[in-house]
């Protein structure tokens, strides 16, 4: 009789933690006018009970040329109220254009 075939080893399941951490942080982006200058803001809110650190990269193209920004925002726990909401602002010469935003958040 033939020996039973050994079952293939199961592949390790990827951890769902990074996707879960990304769901904790929500953001709203938009252009603002500050006097005669413009700005692009990224308002971030933490909805989880753990501190988060987010790295933000912004690239804005406008009629006067491109502007690039990079920043780190630390968000407090949801229960800490105002500490769970922070803004990143990139100063611009104009208050309009086209923006690309990338962010990566991790628990600290």
PDB file of N, CA and C in Angstrom:
ATOM      1  N   UNK A   1       0.832  -1.186   0.000  1.00  0.00           N
ATOM      2  CA  UNK A   1       0.000   0.000   0.000  1.00  0.00           C
ATOM      3  C   UNK A   1       0.875   1.247   0.000  1.00  0.00           C
ATOM      4  N   UNK A   2       0.468   2.270  -0.753  1.00  0.00           N
ATOM      5  CA  UNK A   2       1.262   3.497  -0.765  1.00  0.00           C
ATOM      6  C   UNK A   2       1.078   4.274   0.535  1.00  0.00           C
ATOM      7  N   UNK A   3       2.147   4.917   0.948  1.00  0.00           N
ATOM      8  CA  UNK A   3       2.107   5.725   2.178  1.00  0.00           C
ATOM      9  C   UNK A   3       1.275   6.974   1.928  1.00  0.00           C
ATOM     10  N   UNK A   4       0.516   7.439   2.935  1.00  0.00           N
ATOM     11  CA  UNK A   4      -0.280   8.650   2.726  1.00  0.00           C
ATOM     12  C   UNK A   4       0.634   9.846   2.470  1.00  0.00           C
ATOM     13  N   UNK A   5       0.191  10.703   1.556  1.00  0.00           N
ATOM     14  CA  UNK A   5       0.986  11.884   1.193  1.00  0.00           C
ATOM     15  C   UNK A   5       0.968  12.887   2.347  1.00  0.00           C
ATOM     16  N   UNK A   6       2.111  13.443   2.590  1.00  0.00           N
ATOM     17  CA  UNK A   6       2.204  14.449   3.655  1.00  0.00           C
ATOM     18  C   UNK A   6       1.535  15.738   3.168  1.00  0.00           C
ATOM     19  N   UNK A   7       0.821  16.386   4.068  1.00  0.00           N
ATOM     20  CA  UNK A   7       0.167  17.634   3.695  1.00  0.00           C
ATOM     21  C   UNK A   7       1.219  18.720   3.522  1.00  0.00           C
ATOM     22  N   UNK A   8       1.064  19.561   2.493  1.00  0.00           N
ATOM     23  CA  UNK A   8       2.032  20.637   2.318  1.00  0.00           C
ATOM     24  C   UNK A   8       1.945  21.621   3.483  1.00  0.00           C
ATOM     25  N   UNK A   9       3.078  22.181   3.829  1.00  0.00           N
ATOM     26  CA  UNK A   9       3.114  23.152   4.932  1.00  0.00           C
ATOM     27  C   UNK A   9       2.303  24.386   4.548  1.00  0.00           C
ATOM     28  N   UNK A  10       1.533  24.857   5.503  1.00  0.00           N
ATOM     29  CA  UNK A  10       0.716  26.042   5.233  1.00  0.00           C
ATOM     30  C   UNK A  10       1.606  27.279   5.258  1.00  0.00           C
ATOM     31  N   UNK A  11       1.342  28.167   4.322  1.00  0.00           N
ATOM     32  CA  UNK A  11       2.102  29.422   4.273  1.00  0.00           C
ATOM     33  C   UNK A  11       1.694  30.286   5.456  1.00  0.00           C
ATOM     34  N   UNK A  12       2.645  30.972   5.996  1.00  0.00           N
ATOM     35  CA  UNK A  12       2.353  31.864   7.127  1.00  0.00           C
ATOM     36  C   UNK A  12       1.412  32.964   6.662  1.00  0.00           C
ATOM     37  N   UNK A  13       0.369  33.186   7.422  1.00  0.00           N
ATOM     38  CA  UNK A  13      -0.591  34.216   7.059  1.00  0.00           C
ATOM     39  C   UNK A  13      -0.009  35.580   7.398  1.00  0.00           C
ATOM     40  N   UNK A  14      -0.134  36.530   6.463  1.00  0.00           N
ATOM     41  CA  UNK A  14       0.390  37.864   6.756  1.00  0.00           C
ATOM     42  C   UNK A  14      -0.404  38.507   7.880  1.00  0.00           C
ATOM     43  N   UNK A  15       0.291  39.238   8.703  1.00  0.00           N
ATOM     44  CA  UNK A  15      -0.363  39.893   9.835  1.00  0.00           C
ATOM     45  C   UNK A  15      -1.286  40.998   9.326  1.00  0.00           C
ATOM     46  N   UNK A  16      -2.462  41.102   9.903  1.00  0.00           N
ATOM     47  CA  UNK A  16      -3.430  42.120   9.508  1.00  0.00           C
ATOM     48  C   UNK A  16      -3.212  43.419  10.263  1.00  0.00           C
ATOM     49  N   UNK A  17      -2.186  43.476  11.075  1.00  0.00           N
ATOM     50  CA  UNK A  17      -1.949  44.650  11.922  1.00  0.00           C
ATOM     51  C   UNK A  17      -1.739  45.944  11.138  1.00  0.00           C
ATOM     52  N   UNK A  18      -0.890  45.987  10.070  1.00  0.00           N
ATOM     53  CA  UNK A  18      -0.717  47.250   9.358  1.00  0.00           C
ATOM     54  C   UNK A  18      -2.015  47.794   8.787  1.00  0.00           C
ATOM     55  N   UNK A  19      -2.850  46.947   8.201  1.00  0.00           N
ATOM     56  CA  UNK A  19      -4.121  47.411   7.662  1.00  0.00           C
ATOM     57  C   UNK A  19      -5.021  47.910   8.787  1.00  0.00           C
ATOM     58  N   UNK A  20      -4.966  47.232   9.926  1.00  0.00           N
ATOM     59  CA  UNK A  20      -5.763  47.638  11.078  1.00  0.00           C
ATOM     60  C   UNK A  20      -5.313  49.006  11.585  1.00  0.00           C
ATOM     61  N   UNK A  21      -4.008  49.253  11.602  1.00  0.00           N
ATOM     62  CA  UNK A  21      -3.489  50.536  12.053  1.00  0.00           C
ATOM     63  C   UNK A  21      -3.878  51.653  11.094  1.00  0.00           C
ATOM     64  N   UNK A  22      -3.920  51.367   9.793  1.00  0.00           N
ATOM     65  CA  UNK A  22      -4.321  52.372   8.826  1.00  0.00           C
ATOM     66  C   UNK A  22      -5.786  52.759   9.018  1.00  0.00           C
ATOM     67  N   UNK A  23      -6.629  51.824   9.470  1.00  0.00           N
ATOM     68  CA  UNK A  23      -8.040  52.120   9.700  1.00  0.00           C
ATOM     69  C   UNK A  23      -8.231  53.006  10.924  1.00  0.00           C
ATOM     70  N   UNK A  24      -7.268  53.016  11.815  1.00  0.00           N
ATOM     71  CA  UNK A  24      -7.364  53.837  13.015  1.00  0.00           C
ATOM     72  C   UNK A  24      -7.282  55.321  12.681  1.00  0.00           C
ATOM     73  N   UNK A  25      -6.540  55.655  11.661  1.00  0.00           N
ATOM     74  CA  UNK A  25      -6.289  57.054  11.336  1.00  0.00           C
ATOM     75  C   UNK A  25      -7.070  57.446  10.086  1.00  0.00           C
ATOM     76  N   UNK A  26      -7.858  58.511  10.214  1.00  0.00           N
ATOM     77  CA  UNK A  26      -8.558  59.069   9.062  1.00  0.00           C
ATOM     78  C   UNK A  26      -7.978  60.445   8.775  1.00  0.00           C
ATOM     79  N   UNK A  27      -8.082  60.856   7.525  1.00  0.00           N
ATOM     80  CA  UNK A  27      -7.533  62.161   7.172  1.00  0.00           C
ATOM     81  C   UNK A  27      -8.436  62.889   6.187  1.00  0.00           C
ATOM     82  N   UNK A  28      -8.355  64.203   6.256  1.00  0.00           N
ATOM     83  CA  UNK A  28      -9.046  65.079   5.319  1.00  0.00           C
ATOM     84  C   UNK A  28      -8.007  66.046   4.771  1.00  0.00           C
ATOM     85  N   UNK A  29      -7.958  66.164   3.453  1.00  0.00           N
ATOM     86  CA  UNK A  29      -6.990  67.037   2.821  1.00  0.00           C
ATOM     87  C   UNK A  29      -7.704  68.158   2.083  1.00  0.00           C
ATOM     88  N   UNK A  30      -7.031  69.315   1.982  1.00  0.00           N
ATOM     89  CA  UNK A  30      -7.623  70.404   1.223  1.00  0.00           C
ATOM     90  C   UNK A  30      -6.740  71.644   1.193  1.00  0.00           C
ATOM     91  N   UNK A  31      -7.062  72.532   0.261  1.00  0.00           N
ATOM     92  CA  UNK A  31      -6.363  73.799   0.119  1.00  0.00           C
ATOM     93  C   UNK A  31      -7.035  74.853   0.982  1.00  0.00           C
ATOM     94  N   UNK A  32      -6.229  75.759   1.550  1.00  0.00           N
ATOM     95  CA  UNK A  32      -6.741  76.863   2.364  1.00  0.00           C
ATOM     96  C   UNK A  32      -6.043  78.145   1.947  1.00  0.00           C
ATOM     97  N   UNK A  33      -6.724  79.275   2.154  1.00  0.00           N
ATOM     98  CA  UNK A  33      -6.117  80.575   1.924  1.00  0.00           C
ATOM     99  C   UNK A  33      -5.828  81.203   3.274  1.00  0.00           C
ATOM    100  N   UNK A  34      -4.578  81.615   3.473  1.00  0.00           N
ATOM    101  CA  UNK A  34      -4.157  82.246   4.718  1.00  0.00           C
ATOM    102  C   UNK A  34      -3.662  83.653   4.378  1.00  0.00           C
ATOM    103  N   UNK A  35      -4.566  84.629   4.434  1.00  0.00           N
ATOM    104  CA  UNK A  35      -4.208  85.991   4.033  1.00  0.00           C
ATOM    105  C   UNK A  35      -3.978  86.028   2.539  1.00  0.00           C
ATOM    106  N   UNK A  36      -2.764  86.373   2.138  1.00  0.00           N
ATOM    107  CA  UNK A  36      -2.440  86.409   0.708  1.00  0.00           C
ATOM    108  C   UNK A  36      -1.727  85.143   0.258  1.00  0.00           C
ATOM    109  N   UNK A  37      -1.466  84.236   1.160  1.00  0.00           N
ATOM    110  CA  UNK A  37      -0.757  83.000   0.855  1.00  0.00           C
ATOM    111  C   UNK A  37      -1.728  81.824   0.848  1.00  0.00           C
ATOM    112  N   UNK A  38      -1.270  80.726   0.319  1.00  0.00           N
ATOM    113  CA  UNK A  38      -2.061  79.513   0.306  1.00  0.00           C
ATOM    114  C   UNK A  38      -1.392  78.428   1.123  1.00  0.00           C
ATOM    115  N   UNK A  39      -2.134  77.376   1.394  1.00  0.00           N
ATOM    116  CA  UNK A  39      -1.598  76.239   2.134  1.00  0.00           C
ATOM    117  C   UNK A  39      -2.398  74.996   1.766  1.00  0.00           C
ATOM    118  N   UNK A  40      -1.742  73.855   1.866  1.00  0.00           N
ATOM    119  CA  UNK A  40      -2.416  72.573   1.717  1.00  0.00           C
ATOM    120  C   UNK A  40      -2.336  71.892   3.063  1.00  0.00           C
ATOM    121  N   UNK A  41      -3.478  71.512   3.625  1.00  0.00           N
ATOM    122  CA  UNK A  41      -3.495  70.905   4.953  1.00  0.00           C
ATOM    123  C   UNK A  41      -3.979  69.459   4.896  1.00  0.00           C
ATOM    124  N   UNK A  42      -3.405  68.655   5.768  1.00  0.00           N
ATOM    125  CA  UNK A  42      -3.843  67.283   5.977  1.00  0.00           C
ATOM    126  C   UNK A  42      -4.232  67.190   7.446  1.00  0.00           C
ATOM    127  N   UNK A  43      -5.526  67.068   7.719  1.00  0.00           N
ATOM    128  CA  UNK A  43      -6.035  66.957   9.092  1.00  0.00           C
ATOM    129  C   UNK A  43      -6.222  65.481   9.411  1.00  0.00           C
ATOM    130  N   UNK A  44      -5.547  65.001  10.450  1.00  0.00           N
ATOM    131  CA  UNK A  44      -5.580  63.585  10.795  1.00  0.00           C
ATOM    132  C   UNK A  44      -6.228  63.370  12.152  1.00  0.00           C
ATOM    133  N   UNK A  45      -7.012  62.285  12.260  1.00  0.00           N
ATOM    134  CA  UNK A  45      -7.706  61.944  13.495  1.00  0.00           C
ATOM    135  C   UNK A  45      -7.475  60.475  13.812  1.00  0.00           C
ATOM    136  N   UNK A  46      -7.118  60.191  15.066  1.00  0.00           N
ATOM    137  CA  UNK A  46      -6.915  58.822  15.533  1.00  0.00           C
ATOM    138  C   UNK A  46      -8.199  58.334  16.186  1.00  0.00           C
ATOM    139  N   UNK A  47      -8.712  57.195  15.733  1.00  0.00           N
ATOM    140  CA  UNK A  47      -9.956  56.636  16.268  1.00  0.00           C
ATOM    141  C   UNK A  47      -9.707  55.405  17.140  1.00  0.00           C
ATOM    142  N   UNK A  48      -8.463  55.129  17.487  1.00  0.00           N
ATOM    143  CA  UNK A  48      -8.133  53.950  18.287  1.00  0.00           C
ATOM    144  C   UNK A  48      -7.517  54.357  19.622  1.00  0.00           C
ATOM    145  N   UNK A  49      -7.480  53.404  20.542  1.00  0.00           N
ATOM    146  CA  UNK A  49      -6.909  53.639  21.873  1.00  0.00           C
ATOM    147  C   UNK A  49      -5.434  53.264  21.918  1.00  0.00           C
ATOM    148  N   UNK A  50      -4.678  53.725  20.941  1.00  0.00           N
ATOM    149  CA  UNK A  50      -3.232  53.546  20.925  1.00  0.00           C
ATOM    150  C   UNK A  50      -2.617  54.737  20.209  1.00  0.00           C
ATOM    151  N   UNK A  51      -1.429  55.145  20.654  1.00  0.00           N
ATOM    152  CA  UNK A  51      -0.744  56.273  20.043  1.00  0.00           C
ATOM    153  C   UNK A  51      -0.236  55.866  18.671  1.00  0.00           C
ATOM    154  N   UNK A  52      -0.299  56.793  17.726  1.00  0.00           N
ATOM    155  CA  UNK A  52       0.120  56.512  16.362  1.00  0.00           C
ATOM    156  C   UNK A  52       1.095  57.587  15.895  1.00  0.00           C
ATOM    157  N   UNK A  53       2.052  57.178  15.081  1.00  0.00           N
ATOM    158  CA  UNK A  53       2.973  58.117  14.439  1.00  0.00           C
ATOM    159  C   UNK A  53       2.815  57.932  12.938  1.00  0.00           C
ATOM    160  N   UNK A  54       2.518  59.040  12.249  1.00  0.00           N
ATOM    161  CA  UNK A  54       2.271  58.994  10.808  1.00  0.00           C
ATOM    162  C   UNK A  54       3.305  59.820  10.058  1.00  0.00           C
ATOM    163  N   UNK A  55       3.817  59.244   8.993  1.00  0.00           N
ATOM    164  CA  UNK A  55       4.727  59.937   8.088  1.00  0.00           C
ATOM    165  C   UNK A  55       3.894  60.373   6.883  1.00  0.00           C
ATOM    166  N   UNK A  56       3.973  61.661   6.552  1.00  0.00           N
ATOM    167  CA  UNK A  56       3.155  62.234   5.482  1.00  0.00           C
ATOM    168  C   UNK A  56       4.068  62.797   4.406  1.00  0.00           C
ATOM    169  N   UNK A  57       3.767  62.480   3.159  1.00  0.00           N
ATOM    170  CA  UNK A  57       4.452  63.066   2.012  1.00  0.00           C
ATOM    171  C   UNK A  57       3.409  63.721   1.126  1.00  0.00           C
ATOM    172  N   UNK A  58       3.651  64.986   0.755  1.00  0.00           N
ATOM    173  CA  UNK A  58       2.712  65.751  -0.052  1.00  0.00           C
ATOM    174  C   UNK A  58       3.450  66.319  -1.253  1.00  0.00           C
ATOM    175  N   UNK A  59       2.824  66.257  -2.428  1.00  0.00           N
ATOM    176  CA  UNK A  59       3.376  66.839  -3.644  1.00  0.00           C
ATOM    177  C   UNK A  59       2.258  67.632  -4.308  1.00  0.00           C
ATOM    178  N   UNK A  60       2.446  68.937  -4.420  1.00  0.00           N
ATOM    179  CA  UNK A  60       1.427  69.826  -4.987  1.00  0.00           C
ATOM    180  C   UNK A  60       1.982  70.456  -6.254  1.00  0.00           C
ATOM    181  N   UNK A  61       1.213  70.385  -7.330  1.00  0.00           N
ATOM    182  CA  UNK A  61       1.573  71.088  -8.559  1.00  0.00           C
ATOM    183  C   UNK A  61       0.568  72.199  -8.770  1.00  0.00           C
ATOM    184  N   UNK A  62       1.084  73.378  -9.115  1.00  0.00           N
ATOM    185  CA  UNK A  62       0.245  74.551  -9.355  1.00  0.00           C
ATOM    186  C   UNK A  62       0.829  75.306 -10.540  1.00  0.00           C
ATOM    187  N   UNK A  63       0.187  76.401 -10.910  1.00  0.00           N
ATOM    188  CA  UNK A  63       0.619  77.183 -12.060  1.00  0.00           C
ATOM    189  C   UNK A  63       2.042  77.723 -11.904  1.00  0.00           C
ATOM    190  N   UNK A  64       2.487  77.951 -10.687  1.00  0.00           N
ATOM    191  CA  UNK A  64       3.822  78.496 -10.460  1.00  0.00           C
ATOM    192  C   UNK A  64       4.872  77.413 -10.214  1.00  0.00           C
ATOM    193  N   UNK A  65       4.514  76.138 -10.378  1.00  0.00           N
ATOM    194  CA  UNK A  65       5.473  75.053 -10.224  1.00  0.00           C
ATOM    195  C   UNK A  65       5.123  74.126  -9.072  1.00  0.00           C
ATOM    196  N   UNK A  66       5.889  73.043  -8.921  1.00  0.00           N
ATOM    197  CA  UNK A  66       5.598  72.053  -7.882  1.00  0.00           C
ATOM    198  C   UNK A  66       6.194  72.428  -6.525  1.00  0.00           C
ATOM    199  N   UNK A  67       5.555  71.905  -5.475  1.00  0.00           N
ATOM    200  CA  UNK A  67       6.046  72.048  -4.103  1.00  0.00           C
ATOM    201  C   UNK A  67       5.939  70.685  -3.431  1.00  0.00           C
ATOM    202  N   UNK A  68       6.987  70.314  -2.699  1.00  0.00           N
ATOM    203  CA  UNK A  68       7.026  68.998  -2.058  1.00  0.00           C
ATOM    204  C   UNK A  68       7.181  69.186  -0.554  1.00  0.00           C
ATOM    205  N   UNK A  69       6.480  68.358   0.225  1.00  0.00           N
ATOM    206  CA  UNK A  69       6.585  68.430   1.671  1.00  0.00           C
ATOM    207  C   UNK A  69       6.638  67.051   2.298  1.00  0.00           C
ATOM    208  N   UNK A  70       7.284  66.975   3.458  1.00  0.00           N
ATOM    209  CA  UNK A  70       7.421  65.725   4.201  1.00  0.00           C
ATOM    210  C   UNK A  70       7.308  66.068   5.685  1.00  0.00           C
ATOM    211  N   UNK A  71       6.509  65.304   6.422  1.00  0.00           N
ATOM    212  CA  UNK A  71       6.372  65.584   7.842  1.00  0.00           C
ATOM    213  C   UNK A  71       6.004  64.345   8.631  1.00  0.00           C
ATOM    214  N   UNK A  72       6.177  64.453   9.944  1.00  0.00           N
ATOM    215  CA  UNK A  72       5.820  63.381  10.866  1.00  0.00           C
ATOM    216  C   UNK A  72       4.839  63.958  11.884  1.00  0.00           C
ATOM    217  N   UNK A  73       3.715  63.277  12.078  1.00  0.00           N
ATOM    218  CA  UNK A  73       2.675  63.712  13.008  1.00  0.00           C
ATOM    219  C   UNK A  73       2.466  62.600  14.028  1.00  0.00           C
ATOM    220  N   UNK A  74       2.479  62.948  15.307  1.00  0.00           N
ATOM    221  CA  UNK A  74       2.213  61.984  16.372  1.00  0.00           C
ATOM    222  C   UNK A  74       0.827  62.252  16.930  1.00  0.00           C
ATOM    223  N   UNK A  75      -0.017  61.232  16.882  1.00  0.00           N
ATOM    224  CA  UNK A  75      -1.400  61.342  17.342  1.00  0.00           C
ATOM    225  C   UNK A  75      -1.569  60.607  18.667  1.00  0.00           C
ATOM    226  N   UNK A  76      -2.247  61.239  19.604  1.00  0.00           N
ATOM    227  CA  UNK A  76      -2.538  60.616  20.887  1.00  0.00           C
ATOM    228  C   UNK A  76      -3.679  59.623  20.774  1.00  0.00           C
ATOM    229  N   UNK A  77      -3.993  58.980  21.875  1.00  0.00           N
ATOM    230  CA  UNK A  77      -5.106  58.034  21.925  1.00  0.00           C
ATOM    231  C   UNK A  77      -6.430  58.775  21.719  1.00  0.00           C
ATOM    232  N   UNK A  78      -7.442  58.049  21.274  1.00  0.00           N
ATOM    233  CA  UNK A  78      -8.768  58.628  21.053  1.00  0.00           C
ATOM    234  C   UNK A  78      -9.293  59.280  22.328  1.00  0.00           C
ATOM    235  N   UNK A  79      -9.042  58.654  23.473  1.00  0.00           N
ATOM    236  CA  UNK A  79      -9.554  59.163  24.746  1.00  0.00           C
ATOM    237  C   UNK A  79      -8.859  60.451  25.190  1.00  0.00           C
ATOM    238  N   UNK A  80      -7.743  60.821  24.549  1.00  0.00           N
ATOM    239  CA  UNK A  80      -7.016  62.030  24.915  1.00  0.00           C
ATOM    240  C   UNK A  80      -7.570  63.279  24.242  1.00  0.00           C
ATOM    241  N   UNK A  81      -8.660  63.141  23.498  1.00  0.00           N
ATOM    242  CA  UNK A  81      -9.344  64.284  22.900  1.00  0.00           C
ATOM    243  C   UNK A  81      -8.531  65.005  21.847  1.00  0.00           C
ATOM    244  N   UNK A  82      -8.142  66.259  22.129  1.00  0.00           N
ATOM    245  CA  UNK A  82      -7.457  67.094  21.148  1.00  0.00           C
ATOM    246  C   UNK A  82      -6.120  66.502  20.701  1.00  0.00           C
ATOM    247  N   UNK A  83      -5.470  65.714  21.536  1.00  0.00           N
ATOM    248  CA  UNK A  83      -4.192  65.105  21.169  1.00  0.00           C
ATOM    249  C   UNK A  83      -4.363  64.065  20.064  1.00  0.00           C
ATOM    250  N   UNK A  84      -5.583  63.585  19.860  1.00  0.00           N
ATOM    251  CA  UNK A  84      -5.852  62.594  18.832  1.00  0.00           C
ATOM    252  C   UNK A  84      -6.100  63.239  17.471  1.00  0.00           C
ATOM    253  N   UNK A  85      -6.073  64.577  17.401  1.00  0.00           N
ATOM    254  CA  UNK A  85      -6.300  65.293  16.146  1.00  0.00           C
ATOM    255  C   UNK A  85      -5.144  66.255  15.914  1.00  0.00           C
ATOM    256  N   UNK A  86      -4.498  66.110  14.769  1.00  0.00           N
ATOM    257  CA  UNK A  86      -3.371  66.980  14.415  1.00  0.00           C
ATOM    258  C   UNK A  86      -3.457  67.338  12.939  1.00  0.00           C
ATOM    259  N   UNK A  87      -2.812  68.448  12.581  1.00  0.00           N
ATOM    260  CA  UNK A  87      -2.761  68.905  11.196  1.00  0.00           C
ATOM    261  C   UNK A  87      -1.321  68.972  10.718  1.00  0.00           C
ATOM    262  N   UNK A  88      -1.135  68.671   9.436  1.00  0.00           N
ATOM    263  CA  UNK A  88       0.127  68.930   8.758  1.00  0.00           C
ATOM    264  C   UNK A  88      -0.182  69.967   7.696  1.00  0.00           C
ATOM    265  N   UNK A  89       0.621  71.045   7.640  1.00  0.00           N
ATOM    266  CA  UNK A  89       0.360  72.116   6.692  1.00  0.00           C
ATOM    267  C   UNK A  89       1.598  72.375   5.840  1.00  0.00           C
ATOM    268  N   UNK A  90       1.382  72.447   4.533  1.00  0.00           N
ATOM    269  CA  UNK A  90       2.425  72.770   3.574  1.00  0.00           C
ATOM    270  C   UNK A  90       2.111  74.152   3.015  1.00  0.00           C
ATOM    271  N   UNK A  91       2.980  75.123   3.286  1.00  0.00           N
ATOM    272  CA  UNK A  91       2.761  76.481   2.797  1.00  0.00           C
ATOM    273  C   UNK A  91       3.022  76.552   1.298  1.00  0.00           C
ATOM    274  N   UNK A  92       2.157  77.303   0.601  1.00  0.00           N
ATOM    275  CA  UNK A  92       2.232  77.443  -0.849  1.00  0.00           C
ATOM    276  C   UNK A  92       2.128  78.917  -1.226  1.00  0.00           C
ATOM    277  N   UNK A  93       2.471  79.214  -2.471  1.00  0.00           N
ATOM    278  CA  UNK A  93       2.294  80.580  -2.973  1.00  0.00           C
ATOM    279  C   UNK A  93       0.856  80.793  -3.447  1.00  0.00           C
ATOM    280  N   UNK A  94       0.212  79.733  -3.915  1.00  0.00           N
ATOM    281  CA  UNK A  94      -1.170  79.791  -4.395  1.00  0.00           C
ATOM    282  C   UNK A  94      -2.036  78.859  -3.547  1.00  0.00           C
ATOM    283  N   UNK A  95      -3.331  79.113  -3.521  1.00  0.00           N
ATOM    284  CA  UNK A  95      -4.228  78.271  -2.714  1.00  0.00           C
ATOM    285  C   UNK A  95      -5.036  77.304  -3.569  1.00  0.00           C
ATOM    286  N   UNK A  96      -4.449  76.867  -4.662  1.00  0.00           N
ATOM    287  CA  UNK A  96      -5.116  75.881  -5.507  1.00  0.00           C
ATOM    288  C   UNK A  96      -4.057  75.097  -6.272  1.00  0.00           C
ATOM    289  N   UNK A  97      -4.476  74.016  -6.875  1.00  0.00           N
ATOM    290  CA  UNK A  97      -3.568  73.172  -7.640  1.00  0.00           C
ATOM    291  C   UNK A  97      -4.023  71.728  -7.570  1.00  0.00           C
ATOM    292  N   UNK A  98      -3.099  70.846  -7.828  1.00  0.00           N
ATOM    293  CA  UNK A  98      -3.371  69.414  -7.776  1.00  0.00           C
ATOM    294  C   UNK A  98      -2.416  68.796  -6.756  1.00  0.00           C
ATOM    295  N   UNK A  99      -2.949  67.969  -5.867  1.00  0.00           N
ATOM    296  CA  UNK A  99      -2.123  67.430  -4.786  1.00  0.00           C
ATOM    297  C   UNK A  99      -2.168  65.908  -4.756  1.00  0.00           C
ATOM    298  N   UNK A 100      -1.034  65.319  -4.424  1.00  0.00           N
ATOM    299  CA  UNK A 100      -0.913  63.892  -4.158  1.00  0.00           C
ATOM    300  C   UNK A 100      -0.415  63.736  -2.732  1.00  0.00           C
ATOM    301  N   UNK A 101      -1.080  62.843  -1.973  1.00  0.00           N
ATOM    302  CA  UNK A 101      -0.732  62.646  -0.573  1.00  0.00           C
ATOM    303  C   UNK A 101      -0.497  61.162  -0.320  1.00  0.00           C
ATOM    304  N   UNK A 102       0.584  60.858   0.383  1.00  0.00           N
ATOM    305  CA  UNK A 102       0.855  59.490   0.826  1.00  0.00           C
ATOM    306  C   UNK A 102       1.140  59.550   2.316  1.00  0.00           C
ATOM    307  N   UNK A 103       0.601  58.570   3.059  1.00  0.00           N
ATOM    308  CA  UNK A 103       0.865  58.527   4.493  1.00  0.00           C
ATOM    309  C   UNK A 103       1.034  57.097   4.937  1.00  0.00           C
ATOM    310  N   UNK A 104       1.816  56.935   5.985  1.00  0.00           N
ATOM    311  CA  UNK A 104       2.065  55.629   6.565  1.00  0.00           C
ATOM    312  C   UNK A 104       2.043  55.800   8.074  1.00  0.00           C
ATOM    313  N   UNK A 105       1.185  55.036   8.751  1.00  0.00           N
ATOM    314  CA  UNK A 105       1.026  55.179  10.204  1.00  0.00           C
ATOM    315  C   UNK A 105       1.417  53.880  10.913  1.00  0.00           C
ATOM    316  N   UNK A 106       2.071  54.043  12.085  1.00  0.00           N
ATOM    317  CA  UNK A 106       2.466  52.908  12.905  1.00  0.00           C
ATOM    318  C   UNK A 106       2.169  53.202  14.361  1.00  0.00           C
ATOM    319  N   UNK A 107       1.878  52.153  15.115  1.00  0.00           N
ATOM    320  CA  UNK A 107       1.654  52.285  16.551  1.00  0.00           C
ATOM    321  C   UNK A 107       2.983  52.539  17.241  1.00  0.00           C
ATOM    322  N   UNK A 108       2.965  53.453  18.233  1.00  0.00           N
ATOM    323  CA  UNK A 108       4.189  53.715  19.002  1.00  0.00           C
ATOM    324  C   UNK A 108       3.950  53.418  20.466  1.00  0.00           C
TER     325      UNK A 108
END
